[in-house]
C-alpha atoms as a PDB file:
ATOM      1  CA  MET A   1     119.272-110.828   0.491  1.00  0.00           C
ATOM      2  CA  LYS A   2     117.001-108.910   2.843  1.00  0.00           C
ATOM      3  CA  VAL A   3     117.987-105.904   4.931  1.00  0.00           C
ATOM      4  CA  GLN A   4     116.415-104.214   7.952  1.00  0.00           C
ATOM      5  CA  VAL A   5     117.171-101.201  10.120  1.00  0.00           C
ATOM      6  CA  ASP A   6     116.452-101.375  13.853  1.00  0.00           C
ATOM      7  CA  SER A   7     114.717 -98.054  14.453  1.00  0.00           C
ATOM      8  CA  GLU A   8     115.458 -98.258  18.177  1.00  0.00           C
ATOM      9  CA  ARG A   9     119.217 -98.474  17.581  1.00  0.00           C
ATOM     10  CA  CYS A  10     119.552 -96.082  14.627  1.00  0.00           C
ATOM     11  CA  GLN A  11     120.889 -92.697  15.708  1.00  0.00           C
ATOM     12  CA  GLY A  12     120.759 -90.981  12.315  1.00  0.00           C
ATOM     13  CA  HIS A  13     124.449 -90.944  11.425  1.00  0.00           C
ATOM     14  CA  THR A  14     123.399 -91.226   7.713  1.00  0.00           C
ATOM     15  CA  LEU A  15     126.392 -93.398   6.785  1.00  0.00           C
ATOM     16  CA  CYS A  16     124.201 -96.172   5.362  1.00  0.00           C
ATOM     17  CA  ALA A  17     122.457 -93.784   2.977  1.00  0.00           C
ATOM     18  CA  MET A  18     125.821 -92.457   1.842  1.00  0.00           C
ATOM     19  CA  LYS A  19     127.027 -96.016   1.145  1.00  0.00           C
ATOM     20  CA  ALA A  20     123.829 -97.306  -0.484  1.00  0.00           C
ATOM     21  CA  PRO A  21     121.367 -94.515  -1.325  1.00  0.00           C
ATOM     22  CA  GLU A  22     119.428 -96.906  -3.567  1.00  0.00           C
ATOM     23  CA  VAL A  23     118.534 -99.020  -0.519  1.00  0.00           C
ATOM     24  CA  PHE A  24     118.317 -96.653   2.472  1.00  0.00           C
ATOM     25  CA  GLU A  25     116.273 -93.495   2.922  1.00  0.00           C
ATOM     26  CA  LEU A  26     116.485 -90.914   5.677  1.00  0.00           C
ATOM     27  CA  ASP A  27     113.646 -89.396   7.646  1.00  0.00           C
ATOM     28  CA  ASP A  28     113.255 -85.687   6.898  1.00  0.00           C
ATOM     29  CA  VAL A  29     112.683 -84.853  10.556  1.00  0.00           C
ATOM     30  CA  ASP A  30     115.361 -86.714  12.507  1.00  0.00           C
ATOM     31  CA  GLY A  31     117.593 -88.284   9.844  1.00  0.00           C
ATOM     32  CA  HIS A  32     116.952 -91.831  11.009  1.00  0.00           C
ATOM     33  CA  SER A  33     117.293 -94.495   8.365  1.00  0.00           C
ATOM     34  CA  SER A  34     114.837 -96.989   6.955  1.00  0.00           C
ATOM     35  CA  VAL A  35     114.973 -99.323   3.998  1.00  0.00           C
ATOM     36  CA  ILE A  36     113.185 -98.465   0.785  1.00  0.00           C
ATOM     37  CA  ASP A  37     112.514-102.176   0.159  1.00  0.00           C
ATOM     38  CA  GLU A  38     113.768-104.954   2.421  1.00  0.00           C
ATOM     39  CA  ASN A  39     114.649-107.043  -0.658  1.00  0.00           C
ATOM     40  CA  VAL A  40     118.049-105.842  -1.831  1.00  0.00           C
ATOM     41  CA  PRO A  41     118.159-105.426  -5.616  1.00  0.00           C
ATOM     42  CA  ALA A  42     120.657-107.597  -7.472  1.00  0.00           C
ATOM     43  CA  GLY A  43     124.029-105.937  -7.774  1.00  0.00           C
ATOM     44  CA  LEU A  44     123.684-103.830  -4.616  1.00  0.00           C
ATOM     45  CA  GLU A  45     124.723-106.487  -2.115  1.00  0.00           C
ATOM     46  CA  GLN A  46     128.262-105.148  -1.693  1.00  0.00           C
ATOM     47  CA  LYS A  47     126.980-101.613  -1.093  1.00  0.00           C
ATOM     48  CA  VAL A  48     124.598-102.909   1.561  1.00  0.00           C
ATOM     49  CA  MET A  49     127.367-104.856   3.270  1.00  0.00           C
ATOM     50  CA  GLY A  50     129.456-101.675   3.263  1.00  0.00           C
ATOM     51  CA  ALA A  51     126.559 -99.887   4.941  1.00  0.00           C
ATOM     52  CA  VAL A  52     126.300-102.649   7.554  1.00  0.00           C
ATOM     53  CA  ARG A  53     130.002-102.305   8.362  1.00  0.00           C
ATOM     54  CA  SER A  54     129.799 -98.499   8.510  1.00  0.00           C
ATOM     55  CA  CYS A  55     126.933 -98.310  11.028  1.00  0.00           C
ATOM     56  CA  PRO A  56     128.391 -97.313  14.417  1.00  0.00           C
ATOM     57  CA  GLU A  57     125.198 -98.401  16.187  1.00  0.00           C
ATOM     58  CA  ARG A  58     125.060-101.833  14.479  1.00  0.00           C
ATOM     59  CA  ALA A  59     121.436-101.053  13.602  1.00  0.00           C
ATOM     60  CA  ILE A  60     121.449-102.786  10.203  1.00  0.00           C
ATOM     61  CA  SER A  61     120.913-106.525   9.814  1.00  0.00           C
ATOM     62  CA  VAL A  62     120.843-108.710   6.723  1.00  0.00           C
ATOM     63  CA  GLU A  63     119.457-112.156   5.960  1.00  0.00           C
ATOM     64  CA  GLY A  64     120.416-114.462   3.140  1.00  0.00           C
ATOM     65  CA  THR A  65     123.996-113.364   2.573  1.00  0.00           C
ATOM     66  CA  ALA A  66     126.060-115.536   0.289  1.00  0.00           C
END
């Protein structure tokens, strides 16, 4: 599974990093999210999907979901 954050849509709500801190990091200046590595580590897929569902801006997309 691969994950991406659309930097144009992200508004820095930080919900993704709360759901999956192993996958998402926040910018120190504005709090916007980015992925640490687009390849989701095994075992973290459910956390990432929770982050996708929690994003009010729908800024997170995934590829290769089962």
